[in-house]
Amino acid sequence: MLQRFRQAFSWRPIAIIFAVIGGSFGGWRYHTMSTPTQAFSCKVIAITDGDTFSCLSENQKKTIRLYGIDAPEKKQAYGQAARRYLSGQILGKEVSVTSFGKDAYGRILGSARIGDHEVNHKMVAAGYAWVYRQYSHNPALVRAEETARADKAGLWSDPHPINPADFRHR
């Protein structure tokens, strides 16, 4: 009986459908490209939250979502602290952005740098963002998060920090 079911019903089309639209489930959409597509410089003009900012490049406004990290939401514990920390690092400054594509909201997924400092890494190392493990497998980010946790830096000083992905699903 099971063999007849397997012959009559193929999982392949369903797997393809989920692969194509999989990013739209769970409320938050994130593109999974991991190969850089372009690099550019821009001046940071606004900080949206702890992992998103706007900048001007060649007189064009661009919105950047820091790739591979997930900072607390604005209304979440440490959300405003993460926003202030990111603002102190980059607001009004020229940053180099390496793009990894765009997310479903049209934001550029990027790694931002100021000189030799990677902003994404600094956010995690300071305890103001989680590594977004669903999309990033960067061992340096994972080590930075482990160190921040051990040092109880930033949000890790909270005895029960809530992952932003879990907070969004409440």
N, C-alpha and C. Protein backbone atom coordinates (compact mmCIF):
# COMPACT_ATOMS: atom_id res chain seq x y z
N MET A 1 0.82 -1.19 0.00
CA MET A 1 0.00 0.00 0.00
C MET A 1 0.87 1.27 0.00
N LEU A 2 1.87 1.29 0.87
CA LEU A 2 2.76 2.44 0.93
C LEU A 2 3.49 2.64 -0.40
N GLN A 3 3.86 1.54 -1.03
CA GLN A 3 4.55 1.64 -2.31
C GLN A 3 3.64 2.26 -3.37
N ARG A 4 2.35 1.91 -3.37
CA ARG A 4 1.40 2.50 -4.34
C ARG A 4 1.24 4.00 -4.09
N PHE A 5 1.20 4.37 -2.80
CA PHE A 5 1.09 5.79 -2.46
C PHE A 5 2.31 6.54 -2.98
N ARG A 6 3.48 5.99 -2.76
CA ARG A 6 4.71 6.64 -3.23
C ARG A 6 4.73 6.76 -4.76
N GLN A 7 4.21 5.77 -5.44
CA GLN A 7 4.17 5.83 -6.91
C GLN A 7 3.17 6.88 -7.38
N ALA A 8 2.05 6.99 -6.69
CA ALA A 8 0.99 7.91 -7.11
C ALA A 8 1.26 9.35 -6.70
N PHE A 9 2.06 9.54 -5.65
CA PHE A 9 2.26 10.88 -5.11
C PHE A 9 3.75 11.18 -5.05
N SER A 10 4.16 12.20 -5.73
CA SER A 10 5.56 12.58 -5.73
C SER A 10 5.76 13.83 -4.86
N TRP A 11 6.77 13.79 -4.00
CA TRP A 11 7.10 14.93 -3.16
C TRP A 11 7.91 15.98 -3.91
N ARG A 12 8.45 15.61 -5.04
CA ARG A 12 9.33 16.51 -5.78
C ARG A 12 8.66 17.86 -6.10
N PRO A 13 7.43 17.89 -6.66
CA PRO A 13 6.83 19.20 -6.95
C PRO A 13 6.60 20.04 -5.70
N ILE A 14 6.24 19.40 -4.61
CA ILE A 14 6.03 20.15 -3.38
C ILE A 14 7.35 20.71 -2.87
N ALA A 15 8.40 19.93 -2.94
CA ALA A 15 9.72 20.39 -2.50
C ALA A 15 10.17 21.59 -3.32
N ILE A 16 9.91 21.57 -4.62
CA ILE A 16 10.28 22.69 -5.48
C ILE A 16 9.50 23.93 -5.11
N ILE A 17 8.21 23.78 -4.86
CA ILE A 17 7.38 24.92 -4.48
C ILE A 17 7.89 25.53 -3.18
N PHE A 18 8.17 24.70 -2.17
CA PHE A 18 8.68 25.22 -0.91
C PHE A 18 10.03 25.88 -1.08
N ALA A 19 10.86 25.36 -1.95
CA ALA A 19 12.18 25.96 -2.19
C ALA A 19 12.03 27.35 -2.82
N VAL A 20 11.07 27.50 -3.71
CA VAL A 20 10.86 28.77 -4.39
C VAL A 20 10.24 29.80 -3.47
N ILE A 21 9.24 29.42 -2.68
CA ILE A 21 8.54 30.40 -1.85
C ILE A 21 8.87 30.28 -0.38
N GLY A 22 9.79 29.43 -0.03
CA GLY A 22 10.10 29.16 1.36
C GLY A 22 10.41 30.39 2.18
N GLY A 23 11.04 31.40 1.62
CA GLY A 23 11.38 32.60 2.37
C GLY A 23 10.20 33.42 2.80
N SER A 24 9.01 33.14 2.25
CA SER A 24 7.85 33.96 2.61
C SER A 24 7.09 33.41 3.80
N PHE A 25 7.49 32.27 4.34
CA PHE A 25 6.83 31.73 5.51
C PHE A 25 7.51 32.25 6.76
N GLY A 26 6.78 32.29 7.84
CA GLY A 26 7.36 32.68 9.12
C GLY A 26 7.34 34.18 9.36
N GLY A 27 6.71 34.96 8.52
CA GLY A 27 6.53 36.37 8.76
C GLY A 27 7.67 37.26 8.32
N TRP A 28 8.88 36.79 8.31
CA TRP A 28 10.01 37.63 7.93
C TRP A 28 10.72 37.01 6.76
N ARG A 29 11.05 37.79 5.78
CA ARG A 29 11.64 37.25 4.55
C ARG A 29 13.08 37.68 4.43
N TYR A 30 13.90 36.75 4.05
CA TYR A 30 15.33 37.00 3.97
C TYR A 30 15.87 36.20 2.81
N HIS A 31 16.59 36.83 1.94
CA HIS A 31 17.16 36.15 0.78
C HIS A 31 18.39 35.36 1.25
N THR A 32 18.61 34.19 0.68
CA THR A 32 19.66 33.32 1.20
C THR A 32 20.95 33.33 0.38
N MET A 33 21.11 34.25 -0.52
CA MET A 33 22.33 34.31 -1.32
C MET A 33 23.53 34.53 -0.41
N SER A 34 24.61 33.80 -0.62
CA SER A 34 25.77 33.97 0.24
C SER A 34 27.02 34.40 -0.53
N THR A 35 26.90 34.62 -1.82
CA THR A 35 28.02 35.07 -2.63
C THR A 35 27.86 36.57 -2.90
N PRO A 36 28.89 37.37 -2.59
CA PRO A 36 28.77 38.81 -2.84
C PRO A 36 28.48 39.11 -4.31
N THR A 37 27.61 40.10 -4.55
CA THR A 37 27.26 40.44 -5.92
C THR A 37 27.86 41.78 -6.36
N GLN A 38 28.09 42.69 -5.43
CA GLN A 38 28.70 43.98 -5.78
C GLN A 38 29.17 44.67 -4.51
N ALA A 39 30.01 45.66 -4.68
CA ALA A 39 30.49 46.46 -3.56
C ALA A 39 30.37 47.93 -3.93
N PHE A 40 30.08 48.76 -2.92
CA PHE A 40 29.97 50.20 -3.16
C PHE A 40 30.20 50.92 -1.84
N SER A 41 30.45 52.22 -1.93
CA SER A 41 30.60 53.06 -0.76
C SER A 41 29.40 53.98 -0.66
N CYS A 42 29.07 54.34 0.57
CA CYS A 42 27.95 55.26 0.75
C CYS A 42 28.09 55.97 2.09
N LYS A 43 27.40 57.11 2.22
CA LYS A 43 27.38 57.86 3.49
C LYS A 43 26.10 57.52 4.21
N VAL A 44 26.24 57.08 5.46
CA VAL A 44 25.08 56.67 6.26
C VAL A 44 24.31 57.91 6.70
N ILE A 45 23.00 57.92 6.38
CA ILE A 45 22.16 59.08 6.69
C ILE A 45 21.09 58.79 7.72
N ALA A 46 20.79 57.51 7.98
CA ALA A 46 19.76 57.18 8.97
C ALA A 46 19.96 55.75 9.46
N ILE A 47 19.58 55.54 10.73
CA ILE A 47 19.61 54.21 11.33
C ILE A 47 18.17 53.82 11.61
N THR A 48 17.71 52.75 11.01
CA THR A 48 16.34 52.30 11.21
C THR A 48 16.22 51.52 12.51
N ASP A 49 17.11 50.56 12.69
CA ASP A 49 17.17 49.74 13.90
C ASP A 49 18.56 49.15 14.00
N GLY A 50 18.75 48.15 14.82
CA GLY A 50 20.09 47.62 15.07
C GLY A 50 20.70 46.83 13.94
N ASP A 51 19.95 46.57 12.88
CA ASP A 51 20.54 45.84 11.75
C ASP A 51 20.14 46.42 10.39
N THR A 52 19.61 47.63 10.38
CA THR A 52 19.18 48.25 9.12
C THR A 52 19.51 49.74 9.13
N PHE A 53 20.05 50.23 8.01
CA PHE A 53 20.35 51.65 7.90
C PHE A 53 20.14 52.11 6.46
N SER A 54 20.07 53.43 6.30
CA SER A 54 19.95 54.03 4.97
C SER A 54 21.21 54.84 4.70
N CYS A 55 21.59 54.87 3.42
CA CYS A 55 22.78 55.62 3.04
C CYS A 55 22.60 56.20 1.64
N LEU A 56 23.48 57.14 1.31
CA LEU A 56 23.48 57.75 -0.02
C LEU A 56 24.73 57.29 -0.76
N SER A 57 24.51 56.79 -1.97
CA SER A 57 25.59 56.40 -2.86
C SER A 57 25.28 56.98 -4.22
N GLU A 58 26.16 57.85 -4.69
CA GLU A 58 25.95 58.53 -5.97
C GLU A 58 24.57 59.19 -6.02
N ASN A 59 24.24 59.91 -4.94
CA ASN A 59 22.98 60.64 -4.80
C ASN A 59 21.75 59.74 -4.85
N GLN A 60 21.92 58.46 -4.59
CA GLN A 60 20.80 57.53 -4.57
C GLN A 60 20.69 56.93 -3.17
N LYS A 61 19.47 56.99 -2.59
CA LYS A 61 19.26 56.42 -1.26
C LYS A 61 19.15 54.91 -1.35
N LYS A 62 19.88 54.23 -0.47
CA LYS A 62 19.85 52.77 -0.42
C LYS A 62 19.58 52.33 1.01
N THR A 63 18.79 51.29 1.15
CA THR A 63 18.52 50.72 2.47
C THR A 63 19.30 49.42 2.59
N ILE A 64 20.08 49.31 3.65
CA ILE A 64 20.96 48.17 3.86
C ILE A 64 20.49 47.38 5.08
N ARG A 65 20.30 46.09 4.89
CA ARG A 65 19.99 45.16 5.99
C ARG A 65 21.27 44.37 6.23
N LEU A 66 21.86 44.52 7.41
CA LEU A 66 23.13 43.86 7.70
C LEU A 66 22.97 42.34 7.60
N TYR A 67 23.74 41.76 6.70
CA TYR A 67 23.65 40.35 6.36
C TYR A 67 24.22 39.45 7.45
N GLY A 68 23.48 38.40 7.79
CA GLY A 68 23.98 37.38 8.70
C GLY A 68 23.79 37.66 10.18
N ILE A 69 23.18 38.81 10.51
CA ILE A 69 22.93 39.12 11.92
C ILE A 69 21.47 39.48 12.10
N ASP A 70 21.01 39.41 13.34
CA ASP A 70 19.63 39.76 13.66
C ASP A 70 19.64 40.49 15.00
N ALA A 71 19.41 41.80 14.95
CA ALA A 71 19.40 42.61 16.17
C ALA A 71 17.99 42.62 16.75
N PRO A 72 17.88 42.90 18.05
CA PRO A 72 16.55 42.97 18.66
C PRO A 72 15.66 44.01 17.96
N GLU A 73 14.38 43.73 17.94
CA GLU A 73 13.40 44.64 17.35
C GLU A 73 13.30 45.92 18.18
N LYS A 74 12.82 47.00 17.58
CA LYS A 74 12.74 48.30 18.26
C LYS A 74 12.01 48.22 19.60
N LYS A 75 10.91 47.48 19.65
CA LYS A 75 10.10 47.39 20.88
C LYS A 75 10.53 46.23 21.78
N GLN A 76 11.62 45.59 21.44
CA GLN A 76 12.13 44.47 22.22
C GLN A 76 13.22 44.97 23.16
N ALA A 77 13.44 44.27 24.25
CA ALA A 77 14.55 44.61 25.14
C ALA A 77 15.84 44.68 24.33
N TYR A 78 16.62 45.69 24.55
CA TYR A 78 17.89 45.95 23.88
C TYR A 78 17.73 46.42 22.42
N GLY A 79 16.51 46.57 21.95
CA GLY A 79 16.29 47.06 20.59
C GLY A 79 16.80 48.48 20.39
N GLN A 80 16.47 49.36 21.33
CA GLN A 80 16.92 50.75 21.23
C GLN A 80 18.42 50.85 21.50
N ALA A 81 18.92 50.03 22.39
CA ALA A 81 20.37 50.03 22.68
C ALA A 81 21.14 49.58 21.44
N ALA A 82 20.63 48.58 20.73
CA ALA A 82 21.29 48.11 19.50
C ALA A 82 21.27 49.21 18.44
N ARG A 83 20.15 49.91 18.34
CA ARG A 83 20.03 51.01 17.38
C ARG A 83 21.03 52.12 17.71
N ARG A 84 21.13 52.47 18.99
CA ARG A 84 22.08 53.52 19.41
C ARG A 84 23.52 53.09 19.15
N TYR A 85 23.83 51.83 19.42
CA TYR A 85 25.19 51.34 19.20
C TYR A 85 25.56 51.42 17.71
N LEU A 86 24.65 50.94 16.85
CA LEU A 86 24.91 51.01 15.41
C LEU A 86 25.04 52.46 14.97
N SER A 87 24.21 53.34 15.49
CA SER A 87 24.27 54.76 15.16
C SER A 87 25.63 55.34 15.53
N GLY A 88 26.12 55.00 16.71
CA GLY A 88 27.42 55.49 17.15
C GLY A 88 28.57 54.99 16.28
N GLN A 89 28.39 53.83 15.70
CA GLN A 89 29.43 53.25 14.85
C GLN A 89 29.47 53.86 13.46
N ILE A 90 28.29 54.14 12.87
CA ILE A 90 28.28 54.47 11.44
C ILE A 90 27.52 55.72 11.02
N LEU A 91 26.63 56.27 11.83
CA LEU A 91 25.82 57.41 11.39
C LEU A 91 26.70 58.59 10.99
N GLY A 92 26.46 59.11 9.78
CA GLY A 92 27.21 60.24 9.25
C GLY A 92 28.56 59.88 8.66
N LYS A 93 28.87 58.60 8.66
CA LYS A 93 30.18 58.16 8.16
C LYS A 93 30.07 57.47 6.80
N GLU A 94 31.19 57.43 6.13
CA GLU A 94 31.30 56.72 4.85
C GLU A 94 31.59 55.25 5.15
N VAL A 95 30.78 54.36 4.61
CA VAL A 95 30.99 52.92 4.82
C VAL A 95 31.14 52.24 3.46
N SER A 96 31.82 51.11 3.48
CA SER A 96 31.90 50.26 2.29
C SER A 96 30.92 49.12 2.51
N VAL A 97 30.09 48.85 1.51
CA VAL A 97 29.09 47.80 1.61
C VAL A 97 29.36 46.75 0.55
N THR A 98 29.41 45.51 0.99
CA THR A 98 29.47 44.39 0.06
C THR A 98 28.08 43.79 0.04
N SER A 99 27.46 43.79 -1.12
CA SER A 99 26.08 43.31 -1.26
C SER A 99 26.03 41.80 -1.49
N PHE A 100 25.03 41.18 -0.86
CA PHE A 100 24.78 39.75 -1.05
C PHE A 100 23.41 39.54 -1.69
N GLY A 101 22.90 40.56 -2.38
CA GLY A 101 21.59 40.47 -3.01
C GLY A 101 20.59 41.33 -2.27
N LYS A 102 19.32 41.03 -2.47
CA LYS A 102 18.24 41.79 -1.82
C LYS A 102 17.28 40.83 -1.13
N ASP A 103 16.63 41.35 -0.09
CA ASP A 103 15.62 40.54 0.58
C ASP A 103 14.25 40.80 -0.08
N ALA A 104 13.23 40.17 0.44
CA ALA A 104 11.89 40.28 -0.15
C ALA A 104 11.31 41.69 -0.02
N TYR A 105 11.90 42.52 0.83
CA TYR A 105 11.43 43.89 1.00
C TYR A 105 12.22 44.88 0.15
N GLY A 106 13.15 44.39 -0.65
CA GLY A 106 13.94 45.23 -1.54
C GLY A 106 15.17 45.84 -0.88
N ARG A 107 15.43 45.48 0.37
CA ARG A 107 16.62 46.01 1.05
C ARG A 107 17.85 45.25 0.56
N ILE A 108 18.96 45.96 0.48
CA ILE A 108 20.22 45.33 0.10
C ILE A 108 20.74 44.57 1.32
N LEU A 109 21.03 43.30 1.15
CA LEU A 109 21.64 42.51 2.21
C LEU A 109 23.14 42.74 2.10
N GLY A 110 23.73 43.32 3.14
CA GLY A 110 25.13 43.68 2.99
C GLY A 110 25.95 43.56 4.24
N SER A 111 27.23 43.50 3.99
CA SER A 111 28.24 43.55 5.04
C SER A 111 28.85 44.94 4.94
N ALA A 112 28.80 45.69 6.05
CA ALA A 112 29.32 47.05 6.05
C ALA A 112 30.66 47.10 6.76
N ARG A 113 31.55 47.94 6.22
CA ARG A 113 32.88 48.10 6.80
C ARG A 113 33.21 49.58 6.92
N ILE A 114 33.94 49.88 8.00
CA ILE A 114 34.58 51.19 8.15
C ILE A 114 36.04 50.86 8.37
N GLY A 115 36.86 51.17 7.39
CA GLY A 115 38.28 50.81 7.48
C GLY A 115 38.43 49.30 7.58
N ASP A 116 39.11 48.86 8.62
CA ASP A 116 39.33 47.42 8.82
C ASP A 116 38.25 46.77 9.68
N HIS A 117 37.25 47.52 10.08
CA HIS A 117 36.24 47.01 10.99
C HIS A 117 34.95 46.63 10.26
N GLU A 118 34.54 45.38 10.42
CA GLU A 118 33.27 44.94 9.85
C GLU A 118 32.17 45.24 10.86
N VAL A 119 31.21 46.04 10.46
CA VAL A 119 30.14 46.49 11.33
C VAL A 119 29.29 45.31 11.79
N ASN A 120 28.98 44.39 10.90
CA ASN A 120 28.17 43.23 11.26
C ASN A 120 28.82 42.49 12.44
N HIS A 121 30.12 42.26 12.34
CA HIS A 121 30.87 41.56 13.38
C HIS A 121 30.85 42.35 14.68
N LYS A 122 31.05 43.67 14.59
CA LYS A 122 31.07 44.51 15.80
C LYS A 122 29.73 44.46 16.53
N MET A 123 28.62 44.42 15.79
CA MET A 123 27.30 44.36 16.42
C MET A 123 27.15 43.07 17.23
N VAL A 124 27.62 41.97 16.68
CA VAL A 124 27.54 40.68 17.38
C VAL A 124 28.51 40.65 18.55
N ALA A 125 29.75 41.08 18.31
CA ALA A 125 30.79 41.05 19.35
C ALA A 125 30.43 41.92 20.55
N ALA A 126 29.72 43.03 20.32
CA ALA A 126 29.33 43.93 21.40
C ALA A 126 28.08 43.43 22.12
N GLY A 127 27.48 42.39 21.61
CA GLY A 127 26.29 41.83 22.26
C GLY A 127 25.00 42.53 21.88
N TYR A 128 24.98 43.13 20.68
CA TYR A 128 23.76 43.82 20.23
C TYR A 128 23.07 43.12 19.07
N ALA A 129 23.52 41.91 18.75
CA ALA A 129 22.86 41.14 17.68
C ALA A 129 23.21 39.67 17.82
N TRP A 130 22.30 38.85 17.38
CA TRP A 130 22.52 37.42 17.26
C TRP A 130 23.11 37.14 15.88
N VAL A 131 23.77 36.02 15.74
CA VAL A 131 24.12 35.53 14.42
C VAL A 131 22.83 34.93 13.86
N TYR A 132 22.48 35.30 12.64
CA TYR A 132 21.27 34.78 12.02
C TYR A 132 21.64 33.44 11.39
N ARG A 133 21.68 32.40 12.22
CA ARG A 133 22.20 31.10 11.81
C ARG A 133 21.44 30.45 10.67
N GLN A 134 20.20 30.82 10.48
CA GLN A 134 19.43 30.27 9.36
C GLN A 134 20.05 30.69 8.02
N TYR A 135 20.75 31.82 8.02
CA TYR A 135 21.28 32.36 6.77
C TYR A 135 22.80 32.54 6.76
N SER A 136 23.41 32.58 7.92
CA SER A 136 24.85 32.81 7.98
C SER A 136 25.55 31.65 8.68
N HIS A 137 26.61 31.21 8.08
CA HIS A 137 27.42 30.16 8.68
C HIS A 137 28.85 30.66 8.84
N ASN A 138 28.98 31.96 9.07
CA ASN A 138 30.27 32.61 9.21
C ASN A 138 30.86 32.24 10.58
N PRO A 139 31.95 31.47 10.59
CA PRO A 139 32.51 31.04 11.88
C PRO A 139 33.01 32.19 12.75
N ALA A 140 33.46 33.28 12.14
CA ALA A 140 33.93 34.43 12.92
C ALA A 140 32.77 35.07 13.66
N LEU A 141 31.60 35.16 13.03
CA LEU A 141 30.42 35.70 13.70
C LEU A 141 29.98 34.79 14.83
N VAL A 142 29.99 33.49 14.59
CA VAL A 142 29.58 32.53 15.62
C VAL A 142 30.51 32.64 16.84
N ARG A 143 31.82 32.72 16.60
CA ARG A 143 32.78 32.86 17.70
C ARG A 143 32.54 34.19 18.45
N ALA A 144 32.26 35.25 17.71
CA ALA A 144 32.00 36.55 18.35
C ALA A 144 30.76 36.47 19.25
N GLU A 145 29.73 35.78 18.77
CA GLU A 145 28.53 35.64 19.60
C GLU A 145 28.83 34.80 20.85
N GLU A 146 29.56 33.73 20.69
CA GLU A 146 29.91 32.88 21.84
C GLU A 146 30.70 33.67 22.89
N THR A 147 31.63 34.50 22.43
CA THR A 147 32.42 35.33 23.35
C THR A 147 31.53 36.36 24.03
N ALA A 148 30.65 37.02 23.28
CA ALA A 148 29.74 38.01 23.85
C ALA A 148 28.83 37.36 24.90
N ARG A 149 28.35 36.17 24.61
CA ARG A 149 27.51 35.44 25.58
C ARG A 149 28.30 35.17 26.85
N ALA A 150 29.51 34.63 26.70
CA ALA A 150 30.34 34.29 27.86
C ALA A 150 30.66 35.53 28.69
N ASP A 151 30.88 36.67 28.02
CA ASP A 151 31.21 37.91 28.71
C ASP A 151 29.97 38.67 29.20
N LYS A 152 28.78 38.14 28.88
CA LYS A 152 27.50 38.79 29.22
C LYS A 152 27.45 40.23 28.69
N ALA A 153 27.94 40.40 27.47
CA ALA A 153 27.96 41.71 26.82
C ALA A 153 26.57 42.05 26.26
N GLY A 154 26.19 43.31 26.36
CA GLY A 154 24.94 43.77 25.77
C GLY A 154 23.74 42.95 26.20
N LEU A 155 23.00 42.47 25.22
CA LEU A 155 21.77 41.73 25.50
C LEU A 155 22.02 40.43 26.24
N TRP A 156 23.25 39.94 26.22
CA TRP A 156 23.57 38.69 26.92
C TRP A 156 23.64 38.89 28.43
N SER A 157 23.56 40.14 28.91
CA SER A 157 23.48 40.37 30.35
C SER A 157 22.09 40.05 30.87
N ASP A 158 21.12 39.98 29.98
CA ASP A 158 19.76 39.58 30.35
C ASP A 158 19.76 38.08 30.65
N PRO A 159 19.16 37.66 31.76
CA PRO A 159 19.17 36.22 32.07
C PRO A 159 18.38 35.38 31.06
N HIS A 160 17.42 36.00 30.37
CA HIS A 160 16.60 35.26 29.40
C HIS A 160 16.40 36.09 28.13
N PRO A 161 17.48 36.31 27.36
CA PRO A 161 17.31 37.10 26.13
C PRO A 161 16.40 36.37 25.14
N ILE A 162 15.62 37.14 24.41
CA ILE A 162 14.69 36.57 23.43
C ILE A 162 15.23 36.83 22.04
N ASN A 163 15.40 35.76 21.29
CA ASN A 163 15.85 35.87 19.91
C ASN A 163 14.85 36.72 19.13
N PRO A 164 15.31 37.67 18.31
CA PRO A 164 14.39 38.51 17.55
C PRO A 164 13.41 37.71 16.67
N ALA A 165 13.86 36.60 16.11
CA ALA A 165 12.96 35.78 15.30
C ALA A 165 11.80 35.26 16.13
N ASP A 166 12.07 34.87 17.37
CA ASP A 166 11.00 34.41 18.26
C ASP A 166 10.11 35.57 18.65
N PHE A 167 10.69 36.74 18.91
CA PHE A 167 9.93 37.93 19.29
C PHE A 167 8.96 38.33 18.18
N ARG A 168 9.40 38.25 16.93
CA ARG A 168 8.54 38.62 15.80
C ARG A 168 7.34 37.69 15.65
N HIS A 169 7.45 36.46 16.13
CA HIS A 169 6.36 35.49 15.97
C HIS A 169 5.38 35.49 17.14
N ARG A 170 5.54 36.41 18.08
CA ARG A 170 4.63 36.49 19.23
C ARG A 170 3.34 37.14 18.85
